Amino acid sequence: HELCADGLTGLVTKGGDAEGLARAITAILTDGALARDLAAAARR
């Protein structure tokens, strides 16, 4: 999580929170604009 800023360069979830992890994965898989924005910011 020190390498990834939540909502800016990726999505950070609570450790051990399987539902939160699933929501974050689903968000990236279903929202192409979000995925592209996070990926581009991560590269920068």
ModelCIF file with pLDDT and N, C-alpha, C, O atoms, coordinates in Angstrom:
data_MODEL
#
_entry.id   MODEL 
#
_entity.id                         1 
_entity.type                       polymer 
_entity.pdbx_number_of_molecules   1 
#
_entity_poly.entity_id                      1 
_entity_poly.type                           'polypeptide(L)' 
_entity_poly.nstd_linkage                   no 
_entity_poly.nstd_monomer                   no 
_entity_poly.pdbx_seq_one_letter_code       HELCADGLTGLVTKGGDAEGLARAITAILTDGALARDLAAAARR 
_entity_poly.pdbx_seq_one_letter_code_can   HELCADGLTGLVTKGGDAEGLARAITAILTDGALARDLAAAARR 
_entity_poly.pdbx_strand_id                 A 
#
loop_
_entity_poly_seq.entity_id 
_entity_poly_seq.num 
_entity_poly_seq.mon_id 
_entity_poly_seq.hetero 
1 1  HIS n 
1 2  GLU n 
1 3  LEU n 
1 4  CYS n 
1 5  ALA n 
1 6  ASP n 
1 7  GLY n 
1 8  LEU n 
1 9  THR n 
1 10 GLY n 
1 11 LEU n 
1 12 VAL n 
1 13 THR n 
1 14 LYS n 
1 15 GLY n 
1 16 GLY n 
1 17 ASP n 
1 18 ALA n 
1 19 GLU n 
1 20 GLY n 
1 21 LEU n 
1 22 ALA n 
1 23 ARG n 
1 24 ALA n 
1 25 ILE n 
1 26 THR n 
1 27 ALA n 
1 28 ILE n 
1 29 LEU n 
1 30 THR n 
1 31 ASP n 
1 32 GLY n 
1 33 ALA n 
1 34 LEU n 
1 35 ALA n 
1 36 ARG n 
1 37 ASP n 
1 38 LEU n 
1 39 ALA n 
1 40 ALA n 
1 41 ALA n 
1 42 ALA n 
1 43 ARG n 
1 44 ARG n 
#
_struct_asym.id          A 
_struct_asym.entity_id   1 
#
loop_
_ma_qa_metric.id 
_ma_qa_metric.mode 
_ma_qa_metric.name 
_ma_qa_metric.software_group_id 
_ma_qa_metric.type 
1 global pLDDT . pLDDT 
2 local  pLDDT . pLDDT 
#
_ma_qa_metric_global.metric_id      1 
_ma_qa_metric_global.metric_value   95.18 
_ma_qa_metric_global.model_id       1 
_ma_qa_metric_global.ordinal_id     1 
#
loop_
_ma_qa_metric_local.label_asym_id 
_ma_qa_metric_local.label_comp_id 
_ma_qa_metric_local.label_seq_id 
_ma_qa_metric_local.metric_id 
_ma_qa_metric_local.metric_value 
_ma_qa_metric_local.model_id 
_ma_qa_metric_local.ordinal_id 
A HIS 1  2 78.00 1 1  
A GLU 2  2 81.00 1 2  
A LEU 3  2 86.00 1 3  
A CYS 4  2 90.00 1 4  
A ALA 5  2 93.00 1 5  
A ASP 6  2 95.00 1 6  
A GLY 7  2 96.00 1 7  
A LEU 8  2 96.00 1 8  
A THR 9  2 96.00 1 9  
A GLY 10 2 96.00 1 10 
A LEU 11 2 97.00 1 11 
A VAL 12 2 95.00 1 12 
A THR 13 2 95.00 1 13 
A LYS 14 2 93.00 1 14 
A GLY 15 2 90.00 1 15 
A GLY 16 2 91.00 1 16 
A ASP 17 2 94.00 1 17 
A ALA 18 2 95.00 1 18 
A GLU 19 2 97.00 1 19 
A GLY 20 2 96.00 1 20 
A LEU 21 2 96.00 1 21 
A ALA 22 2 98.00 1 22 
A ARG 23 2 98.00 1 23 
A ALA 24 2 98.00 1 24 
A ILE 25 2 98.00 1 25 
A THR 26 2 98.00 1 26 
A ALA 27 2 98.00 1 27 
A ILE 28 2 97.00 1 28 
A LEU 29 2 97.00 1 29 
A THR 30 2 98.00 1 30 
A ASP 31 2 98.00 1 31 
A GLY 32 2 97.00 1 32 
A ALA 33 2 98.00 1 33 
A LEU 34 2 98.00 1 34 
A ALA 35 2 98.00 1 35 
A ARG 36 2 98.00 1 36 
A ASP 37 2 98.00 1 37 
A LEU 38 2 98.00 1 38 
A ALA 39 2 97.00 1 39 
A ALA 40 2 97.00 1 40 
A ALA 41 2 97.00 1 41 
A ALA 42 2 96.00 1 42 
A ARG 43 2 96.00 1 43 
A ARG 44 2 96.00 1 44 
#
loop_
_atom_site.group_PDB 
_atom_site.id 
_atom_site.type_symbol 
_atom_site.label_atom_id 
_atom_site.label_alt_id 
_atom_site.label_comp_id 
_atom_site.label_asym_id 
_atom_site.label_entity_id 
_atom_site.label_seq_id 
_atom_site.pdbx_PDB_ins_code 
_atom_site.Cartn_x 
_atom_site.Cartn_y 
_atom_site.Cartn_z 
_atom_site.occupancy 
_atom_site.B_iso_or_equiv 
_atom_site.pdbx_formal_charge 
_atom_site.auth_seq_id 
_atom_site.auth_comp_id 
_atom_site.auth_asym_id 
_atom_site.auth_atom_id 
_atom_site.pdbx_PDB_model_num 
ATOM 1   N N  . HIS A 1 1  ? 0.818   -1.216  0.000   1.00 78.00 ? 1  HIS A N  1 
ATOM 2   C CA . HIS A 1 1  ? 0.000   0.000   0.000   1.00 78.00 ? 1  HIS A CA 1 
ATOM 3   C C  . HIS A 1 1  ? 0.852   1.267   0.000   1.00 78.00 ? 1  HIS A C  1 
ATOM 4   O O  . HIS A 1 1  ? 0.352   2.350   -0.306  1.00 78.00 ? 1  HIS A O  1 
ATOM 5   N N  . GLU A 1 2  ? 2.131   1.138   0.340   1.00 81.00 ? 2  GLU A N  1 
ATOM 6   C CA . GLU A 1 2  ? 3.010   2.301   0.301   1.00 81.00 ? 2  GLU A CA 1 
ATOM 7   C C  . GLU A 1 2  ? 3.387   2.674   -1.132  1.00 81.00 ? 2  GLU A C  1 
ATOM 8   O O  . GLU A 1 2  ? 3.832   3.793   -1.386  1.00 81.00 ? 2  GLU A O  1 
ATOM 9   N N  . LEU A 1 3  ? 3.211   1.747   -2.059  1.00 86.00 ? 3  LEU A N  1 
ATOM 10  C CA . LEU A 1 3  ? 3.541   1.994   -3.460  1.00 86.00 ? 3  LEU A CA 1 
ATOM 11  C C  . LEU A 1 3  ? 2.331   2.448   -4.266  1.00 86.00 ? 3  LEU A C  1 
ATOM 12  O O  . LEU A 1 3  ? 2.472   2.945   -5.383  1.00 86.00 ? 3  LEU A O  1 
ATOM 13  N N  . CYS A 1 4  ? 1.156   2.276   -3.700  1.00 90.00 ? 4  CYS A N  1 
ATOM 14  C CA . CYS A 1 4  ? -0.086  2.495   -4.428  1.00 90.00 ? 4  CYS A CA 1 
ATOM 15  C C  . CYS A 1 4  ? -0.977  3.451   -3.641  1.00 90.00 ? 4  CYS A C  1 
ATOM 16  O O  . CYS A 1 4  ? -1.336  3.159   -2.500  1.00 90.00 ? 4  CYS A O  1 
ATOM 17  N N  . ALA A 1 5  ? -1.336  4.578   -4.229  1.00 93.00 ? 5  ALA A N  1 
ATOM 18  C CA . ALA A 1 5  ? -2.218  5.547   -3.579  1.00 93.00 ? 5  ALA A CA 1 
ATOM 19  C C  . ALA A 1 5  ? -3.658  5.225   -3.942  1.00 93.00 ? 5  ALA A C  1 
ATOM 20  O O  . ALA A 1 5  ? -4.035  5.246   -5.114  1.00 93.00 ? 5  ALA A O  1 
ATOM 21  N N  . ASP A 1 6  ? -4.464  4.925   -2.920  1.00 95.00 ? 6  ASP A N  1 
ATOM 22  C CA . ASP A 1 6  ? -5.837  4.502   -3.143  1.00 95.00 ? 6  ASP A CA 1 
ATOM 23  C C  . ASP A 1 6  ? -6.624  5.513   -3.966  1.00 95.00 ? 6  ASP A C  1 
ATOM 24  O O  . ASP A 1 6  ? -6.704  6.693   -3.627  1.00 95.00 ? 6  ASP A O  1 
ATOM 25  N N  . GLY A 1 7  ? -7.195  5.021   -5.045  1.00 96.00 ? 7  GLY A N  1 
ATOM 26  C CA . GLY A 1 7  ? -8.009  5.860   -5.906  1.00 96.00 ? 7  GLY A CA 1 
ATOM 27  C C  . GLY A 1 7  ? -7.224  6.701   -6.886  1.00 96.00 ? 7  GLY A C  1 
ATOM 28  O O  . GLY A 1 7  ? -7.807  7.346   -7.757  1.00 96.00 ? 7  GLY A O  1 
ATOM 29  N N  . LEU A 1 8  ? -5.906  6.704   -6.756  1.00 96.00 ? 8  LEU A N  1 
ATOM 30  C CA . LEU A 1 8  ? -5.062  7.496   -7.660  1.00 96.00 ? 8  LEU A CA 1 
ATOM 31  C C  . LEU A 1 8  ? -4.231  6.611   -8.575  1.00 96.00 ? 8  LEU A C  1 
ATOM 32  O O  . LEU A 1 8  ? -4.282  6.750   -9.797  1.00 96.00 ? 8  LEU A O  1 
ATOM 33  N N  . THR A 1 9  ? -3.464  5.700   -7.980  1.00 96.00 ? 9  THR A N  1 
ATOM 34  C CA . THR A 1 9  ? -2.607  4.815   -8.782  1.00 96.00 ? 9  THR A CA 1 
ATOM 35  C C  . THR A 1 9  ? -3.016  3.360   -8.649  1.00 96.00 ? 9  THR A C  1 
ATOM 36  O O  . THR A 1 9  ? -2.328  2.471   -9.151  1.00 96.00 ? 9  THR A O  1 
ATOM 37  N N  . GLY A 1 10 ? -4.113  3.114   -7.988  1.00 96.00 ? 10 GLY A N  1 
ATOM 38  C CA . GLY A 1 10 ? -4.642  1.770   -7.804  1.00 96.00 ? 10 GLY A CA 1 
ATOM 39  C C  . GLY A 1 10 ? -5.706  1.805   -6.732  1.00 96.00 ? 10 GLY A C  1 
ATOM 40  O O  . GLY A 1 10 ? -6.108  2.878   -6.282  1.00 96.00 ? 10 GLY A O  1 
ATOM 41  N N  . LEU A 1 11 ? -6.165  0.636   -6.322  1.00 97.00 ? 11 LEU A N  1 
ATOM 42  C CA . LEU A 1 11 ? -7.158  0.556   -5.258  1.00 97.00 ? 11 LEU A CA 1 
ATOM 43  C C  . LEU A 1 11 ? -6.566  -0.213  -4.090  1.00 97.00 ? 11 LEU A C  1 
ATOM 44  O O  . LEU A 1 11 ? -5.965  -1.272  -4.271  1.00 97.00 ? 11 LEU A O  1 
ATOM 45  N N  . VAL A 1 12 ? -6.738  0.327   -2.889  1.00 95.00 ? 12 VAL A N  1 
ATOM 46  C CA . VAL A 1 12 ? -6.218  -0.287  -1.671  1.00 95.00 ? 12 VAL A CA 1 
ATOM 47  C C  . VAL A 1 12 ? -7.398  -0.728  -0.815  1.00 95.00 ? 12 VAL A C  1 
ATOM 48  O O  . VAL A 1 12 ? -8.318  0.052   -0.567  1.00 95.00 ? 12 VAL A O  1 
ATOM 49  N N  . THR A 1 13 ? -7.370  -1.974  -0.367  1.00 95.00 ? 13 THR A N  1 
ATOM 50  C CA . THR A 1 13 ? -8.420  -2.503  0.494   1.00 95.00 ? 13 THR A CA 1 
ATOM 51  C C  . THR A 1 13 ? -7.837  -2.905  1.838   1.00 95.00 ? 13 THR A C  1 
ATOM 52  O O  . THR A 1 13 ? -6.621  -3.036  1.976   1.00 95.00 ? 13 THR A O  1 
ATOM 53  N N  . LYS A 1 14 ? -8.682  -3.096  2.811   1.00 93.00 ? 14 LYS A N  1 
ATOM 54  C CA . LYS A 1 14 ? -8.252  -3.563  4.131   1.00 93.00 ? 14 LYS A CA 1 
ATOM 55  C C  . LYS A 1 14 ? -7.774  -5.000  4.028   1.00 93.00 ? 14 LYS A C  1 
ATOM 56  O O  . LYS A 1 14 ? -8.398  -5.819  3.353   1.00 93.00 ? 14 LYS A O  1 
ATOM 57  N N  . GLY A 1 15 ? -6.681  -5.307  4.686   1.00 90.00 ? 15 GLY A N  1 
ATOM 58  C CA . GLY A 1 15 ? -6.211  -6.676  4.736   1.00 90.00 ? 15 GLY A CA 1 
ATOM 59  C C  . GLY A 1 15 ? -7.253  -7.567  5.411   1.00 90.00 ? 15 GLY A C  1 
ATOM 60  O O  . GLY A 1 15 ? -7.823  -7.195  6.436   1.00 90.00 ? 15 GLY A O  1 
ATOM 61  N N  . GLY A 1 16 ? -7.494  -8.723  4.841   1.00 91.00 ? 16 GLY A N  1 
ATOM 62  C CA . GLY A 1 16 ? -8.454  -9.657  5.412   1.00 91.00 ? 16 GLY A CA 1 
ATOM 63  C C  . GLY A 1 16 ? -9.897  -9.379  5.040   1.00 91.00 ? 16 GLY A C  1 
ATOM 64  O O  . GLY A 1 16 ? -10.784 -10.145 5.417   1.00 91.00 ? 16 GLY A O  1 
ATOM 65  N N  . ASP A 1 17 ? -10.158 -8.303  4.310   1.00 94.00 ? 17 ASP A N  1 
ATOM 66  C CA . ASP A 1 17 ? -11.523 -7.946  3.915   1.00 94.00 ? 17 ASP A CA 1 
ATOM 67  C C  . ASP A 1 17 ? -11.803 -8.499  2.524   1.00 94.00 ? 17 ASP A C  1 
ATOM 68  O O  . ASP A 1 17 ? -11.595 -7.816  1.522   1.00 94.00 ? 17 ASP A O  1 
ATOM 69  N N  . ALA A 1 18 ? -12.275 -9.739  2.470   1.00 95.00 ? 18 ALA A N  1 
ATOM 70  C CA . ALA A 1 18 ? -12.517 -10.403 1.184   1.00 95.00 ? 18 ALA A CA 1 
ATOM 71  C C  . ALA A 1 18 ? -13.586 -9.680  0.370   1.00 95.00 ? 18 ALA A C  1 
ATOM 72  O O  . ALA A 1 18 ? -13.475 -9.584  -0.852  1.00 95.00 ? 18 ALA A O  1 
ATOM 73  N N  . GLU A 1 19 ? -14.611 -9.176  1.034   1.00 97.00 ? 19 GLU A N  1 
ATOM 74  C CA . GLU A 1 19 ? -15.675 -8.459  0.309   1.00 97.00 ? 19 GLU A CA 1 
ATOM 75  C C  . GLU A 1 19 ? -15.152 -7.156  -0.284  1.00 97.00 ? 19 GLU A C  1 
ATOM 76  O O  . GLU A 1 19 ? -15.481 -6.815  -1.421  1.00 97.00 ? 19 GLU A O  1 
ATOM 77  N N  . GLY A 1 20 ? -14.343 -6.428  0.475   1.00 96.00 ? 20 GLY A N  1 
ATOM 78  C CA . GLY A 1 20 ? -13.752 -5.195  -0.032  1.00 96.00 ? 20 GLY A CA 1 
ATOM 79  C C  . GLY A 1 20 ? -12.820 -5.471  -1.202  1.00 96.00 ? 20 GLY A C  1 
ATOM 80  O O  . GLY A 1 20 ? -12.796 -4.721  -2.178  1.00 96.00 ? 20 GLY A O  1 
ATOM 81  N N  . LEU A 1 21 ? -12.061 -6.538  -1.100  1.00 96.00 ? 21 LEU A N  1 
ATOM 82  C CA . LEU A 1 21 ? -11.169 -6.937  -2.193  1.00 96.00 ? 21 LEU A CA 1 
ATOM 83  C C  . LEU A 1 21 ? -11.986 -7.258  -3.439  1.00 96.00 ? 21 LEU A C  1 
ATOM 84  O O  . LEU A 1 21 ? -11.644 -6.833  -4.543  1.00 96.00 ? 21 LEU A O  1 
ATOM 85  N N  . ALA A 1 22 ? -13.070 -8.011  -3.254  1.00 98.00 ? 22 ALA A N  1 
ATOM 86  C CA . ALA A 1 22 ? -13.933 -8.365  -4.383  1.00 98.00 ? 22 ALA A CA 1 
ATOM 87  C C  . ALA A 1 22 ? -14.547 -7.118  -5.018  1.00 98.00 ? 22 ALA A C  1 
ATOM 88  O O  . ALA A 1 22 ? -14.638 -7.027  -6.242  1.00 98.00 ? 22 ALA A O  1 
ATOM 89  N N  . ARG A 1 23 ? -14.969 -6.157  -4.190  1.00 98.00 ? 23 ARG A N  1 
ATOM 90  C CA . ARG A 1 23 ? -15.536 -4.907  -4.733  1.00 98.00 ? 23 ARG A CA 1 
ATOM 91  C C  . ARG A 1 23 ? -14.503 -4.141  -5.558  1.00 98.00 ? 23 ARG A C  1 
ATOM 92  O O  . ARG A 1 23 ? -14.817 -3.616  -6.626  1.00 98.00 ? 23 ARG A O  1 
ATOM 93  N N  . ALA A 1 24 ? -13.273 -4.083  -5.056  1.00 98.00 ? 24 ALA A N  1 
ATOM 94  C CA . ALA A 1 24 ? -12.224 -3.356  -5.788  1.00 98.00 ? 24 ALA A CA 1 
ATOM 95  C C  . ALA A 1 24 ? -11.912 -4.035  -7.117  1.00 98.00 ? 24 ALA A C  1 
ATOM 96  O O  . ALA A 1 24 ? -11.772 -3.366  -8.141  1.00 98.00 ? 24 ALA A O  1 
ATOM 97  N N  . ILE A 1 25 ? -11.805 -5.349  -7.103  1.00 98.00 ? 25 ILE A N  1 
ATOM 98  C CA . ILE A 1 25 ? -11.540 -6.088  -8.344  1.00 98.00 ? 25 ILE A CA 1 
ATOM 99  C C  . ILE A 1 25 ? -12.686 -5.886  -9.326  1.00 98.00 ? 25 ILE A C  1 
ATOM 100 O O  . ILE A 1 25 ? -12.463 -5.641  -10.511 1.00 98.00 ? 25 ILE A O  1 
ATOM 101 N N  . THR A 1 26 ? -13.912 -5.988  -8.827  1.00 98.00 ? 26 THR A N  1 
ATOM 102 C CA . THR A 1 26 ? -15.085 -5.801  -9.681  1.00 98.00 ? 26 THR A CA 1 
ATOM 103 C C  . THR A 1 26 ? -15.117 -4.399  -10.268 1.00 98.00 ? 26 THR A C  1 
ATOM 104 O O  . THR A 1 26 ? -15.465 -4.225  -11.436 1.00 98.00 ? 26 THR A O  1 
ATOM 105 N N  . ALA A 1 27 ? -14.759 -3.403  -9.477  1.00 98.00 ? 27 ALA A N  1 
ATOM 106 C CA . ALA A 1 27 ? -14.752 -2.020  -9.974  1.00 98.00 ? 27 ALA A CA 1 
ATOM 107 C C  . ALA A 1 27 ? -13.805 -1.877  -11.154 1.00 98.00 ? 27 ALA A C  1 
ATOM 108 O O  . ALA A 1 27 ? -14.142 -1.234  -12.149 1.00 98.00 ? 27 ALA A O  1 
ATOM 109 N N  . ILE A 1 28 ? -12.633 -2.466  -11.051 1.00 97.00 ? 28 ILE A N  1 
ATOM 110 C CA . ILE A 1 28 ? -11.664 -2.358  -12.148 1.00 97.00 ? 28 ILE A CA 1 
ATOM 111 C C  . ILE A 1 28 ? -12.132 -3.144  -13.374 1.00 97.00 ? 28 ILE A C  1 
ATOM 112 O O  . ILE A 1 28 ? -11.942 -2.708  -14.509 1.00 97.00 ? 28 ILE A O  1 
ATOM 113 N N  . LEU A 1 29 ? -12.734 -4.285  -13.140 1.00 97.00 ? 29 LEU A N  1 
ATOM 114 C CA . LEU A 1 29 ? -13.179 -5.117  -14.265 1.00 97.00 ? 29 LEU A CA 1 
ATOM 115 C C  . LEU A 1 29 ? -14.411 -4.559  -14.973 1.00 97.00 ? 29 LEU A C  1 
ATOM 116 O O  . LEU A 1 29 ? -14.630 -4.851  -16.148 1.00 97.00 ? 29 LEU A O  1 
ATOM 117 N N  . THR A 1 30 ? -15.205 -3.771  -14.282 1.00 98.00 ? 30 THR A N  1 
ATOM 118 C CA . THR A 1 30 ? -16.460 -3.281  -14.881 1.00 98.00 ? 30 THR A CA 1 
ATOM 119 C C  . THR A 1 30 ? -16.421 -1.813  -15.285 1.00 98.00 ? 30 THR A C  1 
ATOM 120 O O  . THR A 1 30 ? -17.311 -1.353  -16.000 1.00 98.00 ? 30 THR A O  1 
ATOM 121 N N  . ASP A 1 31 ? -15.428 -1.080  -14.851 1.00 98.00 ? 31 ASP A N  1 
ATOM 122 C CA . ASP A 1 31 ? -15.339 0.346   -15.165 1.00 98.00 ? 31 ASP A CA 1 
ATOM 123 C C  . ASP A 1 31 ? -14.058 0.595   -15.948 1.00 98.00 ? 31 ASP A C  1 
ATOM 124 O O  . ASP A 1 31 ? -12.993 0.821   -15.375 1.00 98.00 ? 31 ASP A O  1 
ATOM 125 N N  . GLY A 1 32 ? -14.186 0.550   -17.261 1.00 97.00 ? 32 GLY A N  1 
ATOM 126 C CA . GLY A 1 32 ? -13.016 0.708   -18.127 1.00 97.00 ? 32 GLY A CA 1 
ATOM 127 C C  . GLY A 1 32 ? -12.299 2.028   -17.937 1.00 97.00 ? 32 GLY A C  1 
ATOM 128 O O  . GLY A 1 32 ? -11.070 2.082   -17.974 1.00 97.00 ? 32 GLY A O  1 
ATOM 129 N N  . ALA A 1 33 ? -13.062 3.100   -17.734 1.00 98.00 ? 33 ALA A N  1 
ATOM 130 C CA . ALA A 1 33 ? -12.436 4.414   -17.541 1.00 98.00 ? 33 ALA A CA 1 
ATOM 131 C C  . ALA A 1 33 ? -11.619 4.435   -16.253 1.00 98.00 ? 33 ALA A C  1 
ATOM 132 O O  . ALA A 1 33 ? -10.507 4.964   -16.228 1.00 98.00 ? 33 ALA A O  1 
ATOM 133 N N  . LEU A 1 34 ? -12.165 3.866   -15.191 1.00 98.00 ? 34 LEU A N  1 
ATOM 134 C CA . LEU A 1 34 ? -11.433 3.791   -13.928 1.00 98.00 ? 34 LEU A CA 1 
ATOM 135 C C  . LEU A 1 34 ? -10.146 2.994   -14.111 1.00 98.00 ? 34 LEU A C  1 
ATOM 136 O O  . LEU A 1 34 ? -9.076  3.424   -13.678 1.00 98.00 ? 34 LEU A O  1 
ATOM 137 N N  . ALA A 1 35 ? -10.251 1.844   -14.745 1.00 98.00 ? 35 ALA A N  1 
ATOM 138 C CA . ALA A 1 35 ? -9.075  0.997   -14.965 1.00 98.00 ? 35 ALA A CA 1 
ATOM 139 C C  . ALA A 1 35 ? -8.008  1.734   -15.763 1.00 98.00 ? 35 ALA A C  1 
ATOM 140 O O  . ALA A 1 35 ? -6.828  1.684   -15.417 1.00 98.00 ? 35 ALA A O  1 
ATOM 141 N N  . ARG A 1 36 ? -8.415  2.414   -16.826 1.00 98.00 ? 36 ARG A N  1 
ATOM 142 C CA . ARG A 1 36 ? -7.457  3.154   -17.663 1.00 98.00 ? 36 ARG A CA 1 
ATOM 143 C C  . ARG A 1 36 ? -6.809  4.296   -16.891 1.00 98.00 ? 36 ARG A C  1 
ATOM 144 O O  . ARG A 1 36 ? -5.599  4.504   -16.982 1.00 98.00 ? 36 ARG A O  1 
ATOM 145 N N  . ASP A 1 37 ? -7.617  5.039   -16.127 1.00 98.00 ? 37 ASP A N  1 
ATOM 146 C CA . ASP A 1 37 ? -7.083  6.177   -15.368 1.00 98.00 ? 37 ASP A CA 1 
ATOM 147 C C  . ASP A 1 37 ? -6.091  5.716   -14.305 1.00 98.00 ? 37 ASP A C  1 
ATOM 148 O O  . ASP A 1 37 ? -5.018  6.303   -14.159 1.00 98.00 ? 37 ASP A O  1 
ATOM 149 N N  . LEU A 1 38 ? -6.448  4.662   -13.558 1.00 98.00 ? 38 LEU A N  1 
ATOM 150 C CA . LEU A 1 38 ? -5.550  4.143   -12.532 1.00 98.00 ? 38 LEU A CA 1 
ATOM 151 C C  . LEU A 1 38 ? -4.255  3.632   -13.149 1.00 98.00 ? 38 LEU A C  1 
ATOM 152 O O  . LEU A 1 38 ? -3.168  3.886   -12.631 1.00 98.00 ? 38 LEU A O  1 
ATOM 153 N N  . ALA A 1 39 ? -4.378  2.910   -14.261 1.00 97.00 ? 39 ALA A N  1 
ATOM 154 C CA . ALA A 1 39 ? -3.208  2.327   -14.916 1.00 97.00 ? 39 ALA A CA 1 
ATOM 155 C C  . ALA A 1 39 ? -2.270  3.419   -15.443 1.00 97.00 ? 39 ALA A C  1 
ATOM 156 O O  . ALA A 1 39 ? -1.052  3.319   -15.294 1.00 97.00 ? 39 ALA A O  1 
ATOM 157 N N  . ALA A 1 40 ? -2.835  4.450   -16.054 1.00 97.00 ? 40 ALA A N  1 
ATOM 158 C CA . ALA A 1 40 ? -2.008  5.542   -16.583 1.00 97.00 ? 40 ALA A CA 1 
ATOM 159 C C  . ALA A 1 40 ? -1.313  6.293   -15.441 1.00 97.00 ? 40 ALA A C  1 
ATOM 160 O O  . ALA A 1 40 ? -0.132  6.626   -15.542 1.00 97.00 ? 40 ALA A O  1 
ATOM 161 N N  . ALA A 1 41 ? -2.040  6.554   -14.370 1.00 97.00 ? 41 ALA A N  1 
ATOM 162 C CA . ALA A 1 41 ? -1.449  7.252   -13.223 1.00 97.00 ? 41 ALA A CA 1 
ATOM 163 C C  . ALA A 1 41 ? -0.370  6.399   -12.562 1.00 97.00 ? 41 ALA A C  1 
ATOM 164 O O  . ALA A 1 41 ? 0.648   6.920   -12.107 1.00 97.00 ? 41 ALA A O  1 
ATOM 165 N N  . ALA A 1 42 ? -0.597  5.089   -12.513 1.00 96.00 ? 42 ALA A N  1 
ATOM 166 C CA . ALA A 1 42 ? 0.399   4.192   -11.928 1.00 96.00 ? 42 ALA A CA 1 
ATOM 167 C C  . ALA A 1 42 ? 1.693   4.247   -12.731 1.00 96.00 ? 42 ALA A C  1 
ATOM 168 O O  . ALA A 1 42 ? 2.779   4.299   -12.152 1.00 96.00 ? 42 ALA A O  1 
ATOM 169 N N  . ARG A 1 43 ? 1.591   4.235   -14.037 1.00 96.00 ? 43 ARG A N  1 
ATOM 170 C CA . ARG A 1 43 ? 2.781   4.302   -14.891 1.00 96.00 ? 43 ARG A CA 1 
ATOM 171 C C  . ARG A 1 43 ? 3.528   5.612   -14.665 1.00 96.00 ? 43 ARG A C  1 
ATOM 172 O O  . ARG A 1 43 ? 4.751   5.622   -14.529 1.00 96.00 ? 43 ARG A O  1 
ATOM 173 N N  . ARG A 1 44 ? 2.788   6.713   -14.625 1.00 96.00 ? 44 ARG A N  1 
ATOM 174 C CA . ARG A 1 44 ? 3.430   8.016   -14.385 1.00 96.00 ? 44 ARG A CA 1 
ATOM 175 C C  . ARG A 1 44 ? 4.132   8.027   -13.028 1.00 96.00 ? 44 ARG A C  1 
ATOM 176 O O  . ARG A 1 44 ? 4.728   9.035   -12.649 1.00 96.00 ? 44 ARG A O  1 
#
